[in-house]
Amino acid sequence: MIVIGLTGSIGMGKSTTAEMFKALGVPVISADEIVHDLYRGEAAPLIEAAFPGSAPDGVVNREVLSEKLMAAPAEFARLEAIIHPLVRAREKSFIEEARARDEPMVLVDIPLLFETGAEDRVDVIVVVSCAPEIQRERVMARPGMTSDKFEAILARQVTDAEKRARADHVIDTGGGLEAARQQVADIVAKLTESSKKGL
């Protein structure tokens, strides 16, 4: 079974691209969705203990937590030490269950794939990318986004150029949905062929 790692900087269209893989029958798990779930469950008391006031009612208030982290960026490491092992455990279970079902491939959507050393846990890396001006336009249209917040996020991510250089496949989402969908279909076809050959 081929494990695809999907990544890309903020605003590149990664979540939409993951849905395109899913539409072609590829099982998908999203690190962001796992985190959302953990913030409503088992991670909340751990985060409240580390960042008092961020999860007073057993659910992490993302805005409060974000403010605390923006004020003290060094604290990101503490949050990641709580979250990353829990996310990895969920991803591992997902992959094992898919392997037991004899799926030919699965996709793991990991925003910080390179930043967290996750390339060792996948077989193929797909990077979603677009021109910087398109990226900025998309991100700045998000509710509550500011230039400072955008720059802070970018500063914590491996650059788009480096991601592209380290990818096995690059999907350019700047040309619209249909063009991206065709690129996804081409990658799935290639990997299906590889899977049949046992590569």
N, C-alpha and C. Protein backbone atom coordinates (compact mmCIF):
# COMPACT_ATOMS: atom_id res chain seq x y z
N MET A 1 0.84 -1.20 0.00
CA MET A 1 0.00 0.00 0.00
C MET A 1 0.88 1.25 0.00
N ILE A 2 0.51 2.21 -0.83
CA ILE A 2 1.27 3.46 -0.93
C ILE A 2 0.66 4.50 0.01
N VAL A 3 1.50 5.09 0.85
CA VAL A 3 1.06 6.16 1.75
C VAL A 3 1.51 7.49 1.15
N ILE A 4 0.54 8.29 0.74
CA ILE A 4 0.82 9.61 0.16
C ILE A 4 0.79 10.65 1.27
N GLY A 5 1.81 11.48 1.33
CA GLY A 5 1.81 12.61 2.25
C GLY A 5 1.51 13.86 1.45
N LEU A 6 0.42 14.54 1.80
CA LEU A 6 0.03 15.77 1.09
C LEU A 6 0.38 16.97 1.98
N THR A 7 1.06 17.95 1.42
CA THR A 7 1.40 19.14 2.19
C THR A 7 1.42 20.36 1.29
N GLY A 8 1.59 21.52 1.91
CA GLY A 8 1.62 22.78 1.17
C GLY A 8 1.45 23.91 2.16
N SER A 9 1.98 25.06 1.84
CA SER A 9 1.88 26.20 2.73
C SER A 9 0.44 26.70 2.82
N ILE A 10 0.20 27.56 3.81
CA ILE A 10 -1.14 28.12 4.01
C ILE A 10 -1.64 28.80 2.74
N GLY A 11 -2.92 28.56 2.42
CA GLY A 11 -3.54 29.24 1.29
C GLY A 11 -3.26 28.63 -0.07
N MET A 12 -2.59 27.48 -0.10
CA MET A 12 -2.23 26.87 -1.39
C MET A 12 -3.36 26.00 -1.96
N GLY A 13 -4.37 25.69 -1.15
CA GLY A 13 -5.48 24.87 -1.63
C GLY A 13 -5.36 23.41 -1.25
N LYS A 14 -4.69 23.15 -0.16
CA LYS A 14 -4.41 21.76 0.23
C LYS A 14 -5.68 20.98 0.60
N SER A 15 -6.56 21.60 1.39
CA SER A 15 -7.78 20.90 1.81
C SER A 15 -8.67 20.56 0.62
N THR A 16 -8.78 21.50 -0.31
CA THR A 16 -9.57 21.26 -1.52
C THR A 16 -8.96 20.13 -2.34
N THR A 17 -7.63 20.12 -2.42
CA THR A 17 -6.93 19.07 -3.17
C THR A 17 -7.13 17.71 -2.52
N ALA A 18 -7.09 17.67 -1.19
CA ALA A 18 -7.33 16.41 -0.47
C ALA A 18 -8.71 15.85 -0.81
N GLU A 19 -9.70 16.75 -0.92
CA GLU A 19 -11.06 16.31 -1.27
C GLU A 19 -11.10 15.71 -2.68
N MET A 20 -10.24 16.21 -3.56
CA MET A 20 -10.18 15.66 -4.92
C MET A 20 -9.65 14.23 -4.92
N PHE A 21 -8.66 13.97 -4.07
CA PHE A 21 -8.16 12.60 -3.92
C PHE A 21 -9.28 11.70 -3.36
N LYS A 22 -9.99 12.22 -2.37
CA LYS A 22 -11.08 11.45 -1.75
C LYS A 22 -12.16 11.11 -2.77
N ALA A 23 -12.46 12.08 -3.65
CA ALA A 23 -13.49 11.88 -4.68
C ALA A 23 -13.11 10.76 -5.65
N LEU A 24 -11.80 10.48 -5.75
CA LEU A 24 -11.33 9.40 -6.61
C LEU A 24 -11.19 8.07 -5.86
N GLY A 25 -11.70 8.05 -4.64
CA GLY A 25 -11.73 6.80 -3.87
C GLY A 25 -10.52 6.56 -2.98
N VAL A 26 -9.65 7.57 -2.86
CA VAL A 26 -8.47 7.41 -2.00
C VAL A 26 -8.87 7.77 -0.56
N PRO A 27 -8.70 6.85 0.41
CA PRO A 27 -9.01 7.19 1.80
C PRO A 27 -8.10 8.33 2.27
N VAL A 28 -8.69 9.32 2.94
CA VAL A 28 -7.94 10.51 3.35
C VAL A 28 -8.10 10.75 4.85
N ILE A 29 -7.00 11.10 5.50
CA ILE A 29 -7.08 11.56 6.89
C ILE A 29 -6.35 12.90 6.95
N SER A 30 -6.94 13.84 7.68
CA SER A 30 -6.39 15.19 7.76
C SER A 30 -5.87 15.49 9.16
N ALA A 31 -4.61 15.91 9.23
CA ALA A 31 -4.03 16.27 10.53
C ALA A 31 -4.82 17.42 11.16
N ASP A 32 -5.26 18.38 10.35
CA ASP A 32 -6.03 19.51 10.88
C ASP A 32 -7.34 19.03 11.51
N GLU A 33 -8.01 18.09 10.84
CA GLU A 33 -9.28 17.58 11.37
C GLU A 33 -9.05 16.79 12.65
N ILE A 34 -7.94 16.05 12.71
CA ILE A 34 -7.60 15.33 13.94
C ILE A 34 -7.39 16.33 15.08
N VAL A 35 -6.67 17.41 14.79
CA VAL A 35 -6.40 18.44 15.81
C VAL A 35 -7.71 19.06 16.30
N HIS A 36 -8.62 19.37 15.37
CA HIS A 36 -9.92 19.93 15.77
C HIS A 36 -10.62 18.99 16.73
N ASP A 37 -10.59 17.70 16.42
CA ASP A 37 -11.23 16.69 17.26
C ASP A 37 -10.54 16.60 18.62
N LEU A 38 -9.21 16.61 18.62
CA LEU A 38 -8.45 16.55 19.87
C LEU A 38 -8.72 17.77 20.75
N TYR A 39 -8.89 18.93 20.12
CA TYR A 39 -9.15 20.17 20.86
C TYR A 39 -10.51 20.12 21.57
N ARG A 40 -11.40 19.27 21.07
CA ARG A 40 -12.72 19.11 21.71
C ARG A 40 -12.73 17.93 22.67
N GLY A 41 -11.60 17.19 22.73
CA GLY A 41 -11.58 15.99 23.54
C GLY A 41 -10.32 15.82 24.38
N GLU A 42 -9.57 14.75 24.07
CA GLU A 42 -8.50 14.35 24.99
C GLU A 42 -7.37 15.35 25.16
N ALA A 43 -7.15 16.22 24.17
CA ALA A 43 -6.05 17.19 24.29
C ALA A 43 -6.43 18.41 25.12
N ALA A 44 -7.73 18.70 25.25
CA ALA A 44 -8.16 19.93 25.91
C ALA A 44 -7.63 20.09 27.34
N PRO A 45 -7.76 19.07 28.21
CA PRO A 45 -7.24 19.25 29.57
C PRO A 45 -5.72 19.39 29.61
N LEU A 46 -5.03 18.74 28.68
CA LEU A 46 -3.57 18.85 28.63
C LEU A 46 -3.15 20.26 28.22
N ILE A 47 -3.90 20.83 27.26
CA ILE A 47 -3.58 22.19 26.80
C ILE A 47 -3.96 23.22 27.85
N GLU A 48 -5.06 22.99 28.54
CA GLU A 48 -5.47 23.90 29.62
C GLU A 48 -4.40 23.93 30.73
N ALA A 49 -3.84 22.77 31.02
CA ALA A 49 -2.79 22.70 32.05
C ALA A 49 -1.54 23.46 31.62
N ALA A 50 -1.21 23.37 30.32
CA ALA A 50 0.00 24.03 29.80
C ALA A 50 -0.23 25.51 29.52
N PHE A 51 -1.46 25.83 29.11
CA PHE A 51 -1.79 27.23 28.76
C PHE A 51 -3.07 27.61 29.49
N PRO A 52 -2.99 27.92 30.76
CA PRO A 52 -4.19 28.20 31.57
C PRO A 52 -5.09 29.26 30.94
N GLY A 53 -6.40 28.93 30.91
CA GLY A 53 -7.37 29.85 30.34
C GLY A 53 -7.69 29.60 28.89
N SER A 54 -6.96 28.65 28.27
CA SER A 54 -7.19 28.40 26.84
C SER A 54 -8.27 27.34 26.58
N ALA A 55 -8.60 26.54 27.60
CA ALA A 55 -9.66 25.52 27.43
C ALA A 55 -10.44 25.39 28.74
N PRO A 56 -11.06 26.49 29.18
CA PRO A 56 -11.71 26.47 30.49
C PRO A 56 -12.92 25.53 30.59
N ASP A 57 -13.59 25.29 29.47
CA ASP A 57 -14.80 24.46 29.51
C ASP A 57 -14.60 23.08 28.88
N GLY A 58 -13.34 22.65 28.83
CA GLY A 58 -13.07 21.33 28.25
C GLY A 58 -12.98 21.33 26.74
N VAL A 59 -13.02 22.52 26.13
CA VAL A 59 -12.85 22.67 24.69
C VAL A 59 -11.86 23.81 24.48
N VAL A 60 -10.85 23.58 23.63
CA VAL A 60 -9.84 24.61 23.41
C VAL A 60 -10.44 25.79 22.65
N ASN A 61 -10.25 26.98 23.20
CA ASN A 61 -10.63 28.20 22.51
C ASN A 61 -9.45 28.58 21.63
N ARG A 62 -9.59 28.36 20.33
CA ARG A 62 -8.46 28.54 19.41
C ARG A 62 -7.97 29.99 19.36
N GLU A 63 -8.90 30.92 19.50
CA GLU A 63 -8.50 32.34 19.46
C GLU A 63 -7.64 32.70 20.66
N VAL A 64 -8.04 32.23 21.84
CA VAL A 64 -7.27 32.50 23.06
C VAL A 64 -5.89 31.84 22.96
N LEU A 65 -5.89 30.58 22.51
CA LEU A 65 -4.62 29.86 22.39
C LEU A 65 -3.71 30.56 21.36
N SER A 66 -4.30 30.99 20.25
CA SER A 66 -3.53 31.69 19.21
C SER A 66 -2.90 32.97 19.75
N GLU A 67 -3.67 33.70 20.55
CA GLU A 67 -3.15 34.95 21.14
C GLU A 67 -1.97 34.67 22.07
N LYS A 68 -2.08 33.61 22.85
CA LYS A 68 -1.00 33.24 23.77
C LYS A 68 0.27 32.88 22.99
N LEU A 69 0.08 32.15 21.90
CA LEU A 69 1.23 31.71 21.09
C LEU A 69 1.85 32.87 20.31
N MET A 70 1.00 33.78 19.84
CA MET A 70 1.53 34.95 19.13
C MET A 70 2.37 35.81 20.07
N ALA A 71 1.95 35.85 21.34
CA ALA A 71 2.67 36.65 22.34
C ALA A 71 3.98 35.98 22.77
N ALA A 72 4.02 34.66 22.67
CA ALA A 72 5.22 33.92 23.09
C ALA A 72 5.47 32.75 22.12
N PRO A 73 6.00 33.04 20.91
CA PRO A 73 6.19 32.01 19.88
C PRO A 73 7.00 30.80 20.33
N ALA A 74 7.86 30.97 21.32
CA ALA A 74 8.66 29.83 21.81
C ALA A 74 7.78 28.75 22.41
N GLU A 75 6.54 29.13 22.78
CA GLU A 75 5.63 28.16 23.40
C GLU A 75 5.04 27.18 22.39
N PHE A 76 5.22 27.45 21.10
CA PHE A 76 4.74 26.50 20.09
C PHE A 76 5.28 25.10 20.34
N ALA A 77 6.54 25.03 20.76
CA ALA A 77 7.17 23.71 21.00
C ALA A 77 6.43 22.94 22.07
N ARG A 78 5.94 23.65 23.10
CA ARG A 78 5.21 22.98 24.17
C ARG A 78 3.88 22.43 23.67
N LEU A 79 3.20 23.24 22.84
CA LEU A 79 1.93 22.78 22.27
C LEU A 79 2.16 21.57 21.36
N GLU A 80 3.19 21.66 20.52
CA GLU A 80 3.48 20.56 19.59
C GLU A 80 3.84 19.28 20.32
N ALA A 81 4.49 19.39 21.47
CA ALA A 81 4.86 18.20 22.25
C ALA A 81 3.61 17.49 22.78
N ILE A 82 2.54 18.25 22.96
CA ILE A 82 1.26 17.66 23.41
C ILE A 82 0.52 17.04 22.22
N ILE A 83 0.42 17.82 21.15
CA ILE A 83 -0.45 17.46 20.02
C ILE A 83 0.14 16.41 19.07
N HIS A 84 1.41 16.59 18.69
CA HIS A 84 1.97 15.74 17.64
C HIS A 84 1.90 14.23 17.94
N PRO A 85 2.24 13.78 19.15
CA PRO A 85 2.13 12.33 19.41
C PRO A 85 0.70 11.81 19.28
N LEU A 86 -0.27 12.62 19.70
CA LEU A 86 -1.68 12.20 19.59
C LEU A 86 -2.11 12.11 18.13
N VAL A 87 -1.68 13.09 17.33
CA VAL A 87 -2.01 13.08 15.90
C VAL A 87 -1.37 11.87 15.23
N ARG A 88 -0.11 11.61 15.55
CA ARG A 88 0.60 10.48 14.93
C ARG A 88 -0.08 9.15 15.25
N ALA A 89 -0.56 9.01 16.47
CA ALA A 89 -1.25 7.77 16.88
C ALA A 89 -2.51 7.56 16.05
N ARG A 90 -3.25 8.63 15.81
CA ARG A 90 -4.47 8.52 14.98
C ARG A 90 -4.12 8.18 13.53
N GLU A 91 -3.07 8.83 13.01
CA GLU A 91 -2.66 8.55 11.62
C GLU A 91 -2.23 7.09 11.49
N LYS A 92 -1.49 6.60 12.47
CA LYS A 92 -1.00 5.22 12.42
C LYS A 92 -2.18 4.24 12.40
N SER A 93 -3.18 4.48 13.23
CA SER A 93 -4.36 3.60 13.27
C SER A 93 -5.09 3.61 11.92
N PHE A 94 -5.23 4.81 11.35
CA PHE A 94 -5.89 4.97 10.05
C PHE A 94 -5.15 4.16 8.97
N ILE A 95 -3.83 4.26 8.95
CA ILE A 95 -3.02 3.55 7.95
C ILE A 95 -3.11 2.04 8.15
N GLU A 96 -3.05 1.60 9.41
CA GLU A 96 -3.12 0.16 9.69
C GLU A 96 -4.48 -0.41 9.28
N GLU A 97 -5.55 0.35 9.55
CA GLU A 97 -6.89 -0.13 9.17
C GLU A 97 -7.03 -0.20 7.65
N ALA A 98 -6.47 0.79 6.94
CA ALA A 98 -6.53 0.79 5.47
C ALA A 98 -5.73 -0.38 4.90
N ARG A 99 -4.58 -0.65 5.52
CA ARG A 99 -3.74 -1.77 5.06
C ARG A 99 -4.49 -3.09 5.26
N ALA A 100 -5.19 -3.20 6.37
CA ALA A 100 -5.96 -4.42 6.66
C ALA A 100 -7.09 -4.62 5.64
N ARG A 101 -7.60 -3.50 5.10
CA ARG A 101 -8.66 -3.57 4.07
C ARG A 101 -8.07 -3.77 2.68
N ASP A 102 -6.75 -3.81 2.61
CA ASP A 102 -6.04 -4.00 1.34
C ASP A 102 -6.26 -2.84 0.37
N GLU A 103 -6.30 -1.61 0.90
CA GLU A 103 -6.41 -0.42 0.05
C GLU A 103 -5.11 -0.27 -0.75
N PRO A 104 -5.17 0.14 -2.02
CA PRO A 104 -3.95 0.32 -2.79
C PRO A 104 -3.14 1.54 -2.36
N MET A 105 -3.86 2.57 -1.86
CA MET A 105 -3.16 3.78 -1.40
C MET A 105 -4.05 4.55 -0.44
N VAL A 106 -3.41 5.37 0.40
CA VAL A 106 -4.12 6.28 1.29
C VAL A 106 -3.41 7.63 1.24
N LEU A 107 -4.11 8.67 1.67
CA LEU A 107 -3.50 10.00 1.70
C LEU A 107 -3.57 10.56 3.11
N VAL A 108 -2.43 11.04 3.58
CA VAL A 108 -2.37 11.69 4.89
C VAL A 108 -2.06 13.17 4.64
N ASP A 109 -3.00 14.02 5.00
CA ASP A 109 -2.89 15.46 4.80
C ASP A 109 -2.15 16.05 6.00
N ILE A 110 -0.90 16.46 5.81
CA ILE A 110 -0.05 16.94 6.91
C ILE A 110 0.48 18.33 6.58
N PRO A 111 -0.13 19.38 7.12
CA PRO A 111 0.33 20.75 6.81
C PRO A 111 1.82 20.97 7.10
N LEU A 112 2.31 20.44 8.21
CA LEU A 112 3.72 20.65 8.59
C LEU A 112 4.53 19.37 8.35
N LEU A 113 4.35 18.77 7.19
CA LEU A 113 5.02 17.50 6.89
C LEU A 113 6.54 17.61 7.01
N PHE A 114 7.13 18.58 6.34
CA PHE A 114 8.59 18.73 6.38
C PHE A 114 9.05 19.26 7.74
N GLU A 115 8.26 20.18 8.29
CA GLU A 115 8.64 20.82 9.55
C GLU A 115 8.69 19.83 10.71
N THR A 116 7.89 18.76 10.63
CA THR A 116 7.84 17.78 11.73
C THR A 116 8.56 16.47 11.38
N GLY A 117 9.26 16.45 10.25
CA GLY A 117 10.01 15.24 9.88
C GLY A 117 9.12 14.08 9.47
N ALA A 118 7.90 14.39 9.01
CA ALA A 118 6.94 13.33 8.68
C ALA A 118 7.24 12.65 7.35
N GLU A 119 8.22 13.16 6.59
CA GLU A 119 8.52 12.51 5.29
C GLU A 119 8.96 11.07 5.48
N ASP A 120 9.46 10.73 6.66
CA ASP A 120 9.88 9.35 6.94
C ASP A 120 8.69 8.41 7.10
N ARG A 121 7.48 8.98 7.28
CA ARG A 121 6.30 8.15 7.54
C ARG A 121 5.44 7.96 6.30
N VAL A 122 5.87 8.55 5.16
CA VAL A 122 5.09 8.41 3.93
C VAL A 122 5.98 7.89 2.80
N ASP A 123 5.33 7.36 1.75
CA ASP A 123 6.09 6.81 0.61
C ASP A 123 6.26 7.82 -0.51
N VAL A 124 5.26 8.69 -0.66
CA VAL A 124 5.24 9.66 -1.76
C VAL A 124 4.82 11.01 -1.18
N ILE A 125 5.52 12.08 -1.60
CA ILE A 125 5.17 13.42 -1.11
C ILE A 125 4.58 14.24 -2.25
N VAL A 126 3.37 14.75 -2.02
CA VAL A 126 2.69 15.62 -2.98
C VAL A 126 2.58 17.01 -2.36
N VAL A 127 3.11 18.01 -3.03
CA VAL A 127 3.07 19.39 -2.55
C VAL A 127 2.08 20.20 -3.38
N VAL A 128 1.20 20.92 -2.69
CA VAL A 128 0.24 21.79 -3.33
C VAL A 128 0.81 23.21 -3.32
N SER A 129 0.78 23.87 -4.46
CA SER A 129 1.45 25.16 -4.59
C SER A 129 0.66 26.09 -5.51
N CYS A 130 0.99 27.37 -5.45
CA CYS A 130 0.46 28.36 -6.40
C CYS A 130 1.34 29.60 -6.30
N ALA A 131 1.09 30.58 -7.15
CA ALA A 131 1.89 31.81 -7.14
C ALA A 131 1.68 32.56 -5.82
N PRO A 132 2.72 33.24 -5.31
CA PRO A 132 2.63 33.94 -4.02
C PRO A 132 1.49 34.95 -3.95
N GLU A 133 1.23 35.65 -5.05
CA GLU A 133 0.17 36.66 -5.01
C GLU A 133 -1.21 36.01 -4.86
N ILE A 134 -1.39 34.81 -5.46
CA ILE A 134 -2.67 34.09 -5.32
C ILE A 134 -2.79 33.59 -3.88
N GLN A 135 -1.69 33.07 -3.34
CA GLN A 135 -1.68 32.61 -1.95
C GLN A 135 -2.08 33.73 -1.00
N ARG A 136 -1.44 34.89 -1.15
CA ARG A 136 -1.73 36.02 -0.24
C ARG A 136 -3.19 36.44 -0.35
N GLU A 137 -3.70 36.51 -1.58
CA GLU A 137 -5.10 36.91 -1.78
C GLU A 137 -6.05 35.96 -1.08
N ARG A 138 -5.78 34.65 -1.19
CA ARG A 138 -6.64 33.65 -0.55
C ARG A 138 -6.59 33.77 0.97
N VAL A 139 -5.37 33.89 1.50
CA VAL A 139 -5.20 33.90 2.96
C VAL A 139 -5.79 35.17 3.57
N MET A 140 -5.55 36.31 2.94
CA MET A 140 -6.04 37.58 3.50
C MET A 140 -7.57 37.68 3.45
N ALA A 141 -8.20 36.83 2.65
CA ALA A 141 -9.67 36.82 2.58
C ALA A 141 -10.29 36.04 3.74
N ARG A 142 -9.45 35.36 4.53
CA ARG A 142 -9.97 34.56 5.64
C ARG A 142 -10.39 35.47 6.80
N PRO A 143 -11.47 35.08 7.50
CA PRO A 143 -11.93 35.90 8.64
C PRO A 143 -10.83 35.99 9.71
N GLY A 144 -10.62 37.20 10.22
CA GLY A 144 -9.67 37.38 11.32
C GLY A 144 -8.20 37.36 10.93
N MET A 145 -7.92 37.22 9.63
CA MET A 145 -6.52 37.17 9.20
C MET A 145 -5.96 38.58 9.09
N THR A 146 -4.70 38.72 9.53
CA THR A 146 -4.00 40.00 9.40
C THR A 146 -2.66 39.73 8.74
N SER A 147 -2.03 40.77 8.23
CA SER A 147 -0.71 40.62 7.61
C SER A 147 0.29 40.06 8.61
N ASP A 148 0.23 40.54 9.85
CA ASP A 148 1.15 40.07 10.89
C ASP A 148 0.97 38.58 11.15
N LYS A 149 -0.29 38.17 11.23
CA LYS A 149 -0.58 36.75 11.50
C LYS A 149 -0.10 35.88 10.33
N PHE A 150 -0.35 36.37 9.11
CA PHE A 150 0.07 35.64 7.91
C PHE A 150 1.59 35.49 7.89
N GLU A 151 2.30 36.57 8.17
CA GLU A 151 3.78 36.52 8.16
C GLU A 151 4.29 35.59 9.25
N ALA A 152 3.62 35.60 10.40
CA ALA A 152 4.04 34.72 11.51
C ALA A 152 3.87 33.25 11.13
N ILE A 153 2.77 32.95 10.42
CA ILE A 153 2.53 31.57 9.98
C ILE A 153 3.60 31.16 8.96
N LEU A 154 3.86 32.03 7.99
CA LEU A 154 4.86 31.74 6.96
C LEU A 154 6.24 31.52 7.57
N ALA A 155 6.55 32.28 8.61
CA ALA A 155 7.87 32.19 9.24
C ALA A 155 8.11 30.83 9.88
N ARG A 156 7.03 30.13 10.23
CA ARG A 156 7.15 28.82 10.86
C ARG A 156 7.12 27.67 9.84
N GLN A 157 6.90 28.01 8.58
CA GLN A 157 6.78 26.97 7.56
C GLN A 157 8.00 26.96 6.64
N VAL A 158 8.37 25.75 6.19
CA VAL A 158 9.39 25.62 5.16
C VAL A 158 8.89 26.38 3.93
N THR A 159 9.76 27.07 3.23
CA THR A 159 9.32 27.87 2.08
C THR A 159 8.70 27.01 0.99
N ASP A 160 7.84 27.63 0.20
CA ASP A 160 7.19 26.93 -0.90
C ASP A 160 8.23 26.38 -1.88
N ALA A 161 9.27 27.16 -2.16
CA ALA A 161 10.30 26.72 -3.11
C ALA A 161 10.99 25.45 -2.62
N GLU A 162 11.27 25.39 -1.32
CA GLU A 162 11.93 24.19 -0.78
C GLU A 162 10.99 23.00 -0.80
N LYS A 163 9.72 23.24 -0.49
CA LYS A 163 8.73 22.14 -0.53
C LYS A 163 8.64 21.56 -1.94
N ARG A 164 8.57 22.44 -2.92
CA ARG A 164 8.49 21.99 -4.31
C ARG A 164 9.72 21.16 -4.69
N ALA A 165 10.87 21.62 -4.23
CA ALA A 165 12.13 20.93 -4.55
C ALA A 165 12.19 19.53 -3.93
N ARG A 166 11.53 19.36 -2.79
CA ARG A 166 11.58 18.08 -2.07
C ARG A 166 10.41 17.16 -2.38
N ALA A 167 9.50 17.62 -3.24
CA ALA A 167 8.29 16.84 -3.55
C ALA A 167 8.55 15.79 -4.62
N ASP A 168 7.74 14.73 -4.57
CA ASP A 168 7.72 13.75 -5.67
C ASP A 168 6.78 14.24 -6.77
N HIS A 169 5.73 14.94 -6.36
CA HIS A 169 4.76 15.51 -7.30
C HIS A 169 4.35 16.89 -6.79
N VAL A 170 4.14 17.84 -7.69
CA VAL A 170 3.65 19.17 -7.34
C VAL A 170 2.33 19.41 -8.06
N ILE A 171 1.32 19.86 -7.31
CA ILE A 171 0.04 20.23 -7.90
C ILE A 171 -0.09 21.74 -7.82
N ASP A 172 -0.20 22.39 -8.98
CA ASP A 172 -0.35 23.84 -9.04
C ASP A 172 -1.83 24.17 -9.05
N THR A 173 -2.30 24.83 -7.98
CA THR A 173 -3.74 25.13 -7.88
C THR A 173 -4.08 26.52 -8.42
N GLY A 174 -3.08 27.20 -9.00
CA GLY A 174 -3.32 28.55 -9.50
C GLY A 174 -4.14 28.62 -10.77
N GLY A 175 -4.30 27.47 -11.45
CA GLY A 175 -5.01 27.47 -12.72
C GLY A 175 -6.47 27.10 -12.62
N GLY A 176 -7.00 27.03 -11.40
CA GLY A 176 -8.42 26.71 -11.23
C GLY A 176 -8.65 25.26 -10.84
N LEU A 177 -9.89 24.97 -10.46
CA LEU A 177 -10.26 23.65 -9.92
C LEU A 177 -10.11 22.52 -10.93
N GLU A 178 -10.55 22.75 -12.16
CA GLU A 178 -10.51 21.66 -13.16
C GLU A 178 -9.07 21.26 -13.47
N ALA A 179 -8.18 22.24 -13.58
CA ALA A 179 -6.77 21.94 -13.85
C ALA A 179 -6.16 21.16 -12.69
N ALA A 180 -6.51 21.55 -11.47
CA ALA A 180 -5.99 20.84 -10.29
C ALA A 180 -6.54 19.42 -10.24
N ARG A 181 -7.83 19.29 -10.57
CA ARG A 181 -8.47 17.97 -10.55
C ARG A 181 -7.79 17.02 -11.53
N GLN A 182 -7.40 17.54 -12.69
CA GLN A 182 -6.72 16.71 -13.69
C GLN A 182 -5.34 16.28 -13.19
N GLN A 183 -4.63 17.19 -12.51
CA GLN A 183 -3.32 16.85 -11.96
C GLN A 183 -3.44 15.75 -10.90
N VAL A 184 -4.48 15.85 -10.08
CA VAL A 184 -4.73 14.82 -9.06
C VAL A 184 -5.01 13.47 -9.72
N ALA A 185 -5.86 13.49 -10.75
CA ALA A 185 -6.20 12.25 -11.46
C ALA A 185 -4.96 11.61 -12.08
N ASP A 186 -4.08 12.44 -12.62
CA ASP A 186 -2.84 11.92 -13.23
C ASP A 186 -1.95 11.25 -12.19
N ILE A 187 -1.85 11.86 -11.01
CA ILE A 187 -1.02 11.29 -9.93
C ILE A 187 -1.61 9.97 -9.44
N VAL A 188 -2.92 9.94 -9.24
CA VAL A 188 -3.57 8.71 -8.79
C VAL A 188 -3.38 7.59 -9.81
N ALA A 189 -3.48 7.94 -11.10
CA ALA A 189 -3.29 6.93 -12.15
C ALA A 189 -1.86 6.38 -12.12
N LYS A 190 -0.88 7.27 -11.97
CA LYS A 190 0.52 6.83 -11.91
C LYS A 190 0.78 5.94 -10.71
N LEU A 191 0.25 6.35 -9.55
CA LEU A 191 0.48 5.56 -8.33
C LEU A 191 -0.26 4.24 -8.37
N THR A 192 -1.43 4.22 -9.01
CA THR A 192 -2.18 2.96 -9.17
C THR A 192 -1.36 1.99 -9.99
N GLU A 193 -0.74 2.51 -11.05
CA GLU A 193 0.11 1.67 -11.91
C GLU A 193 1.31 1.15 -11.12
N SER A 194 1.93 2.02 -10.35
CA SER A 194 3.06 1.62 -9.51
C SER A 194 2.67 0.55 -8.51
N SER A 195 1.47 0.74 -7.93
CA SER A 195 0.98 -0.21 -6.92
C SER A 195 0.77 -1.59 -7.54
N LYS A 196 0.25 -1.62 -8.76
CA LYS A 196 0.01 -2.91 -9.45
C LYS A 196 1.34 -3.62 -9.76
N LYS A 197 2.37 -2.80 -10.00
CA LYS A 197 3.68 -3.39 -10.29
C LYS A 197 4.44 -3.79 -9.02
N GLY A 198 3.82 -3.40 -7.86
CA GLY A 198 4.47 -3.72 -6.61
C GLY A 198 5.63 -2.81 -6.28
N LEU A 199 5.62 -1.59 -6.85
CA LEU A 199 6.70 -0.63 -6.61
C LEU A 199 6.41 0.21 -5.39
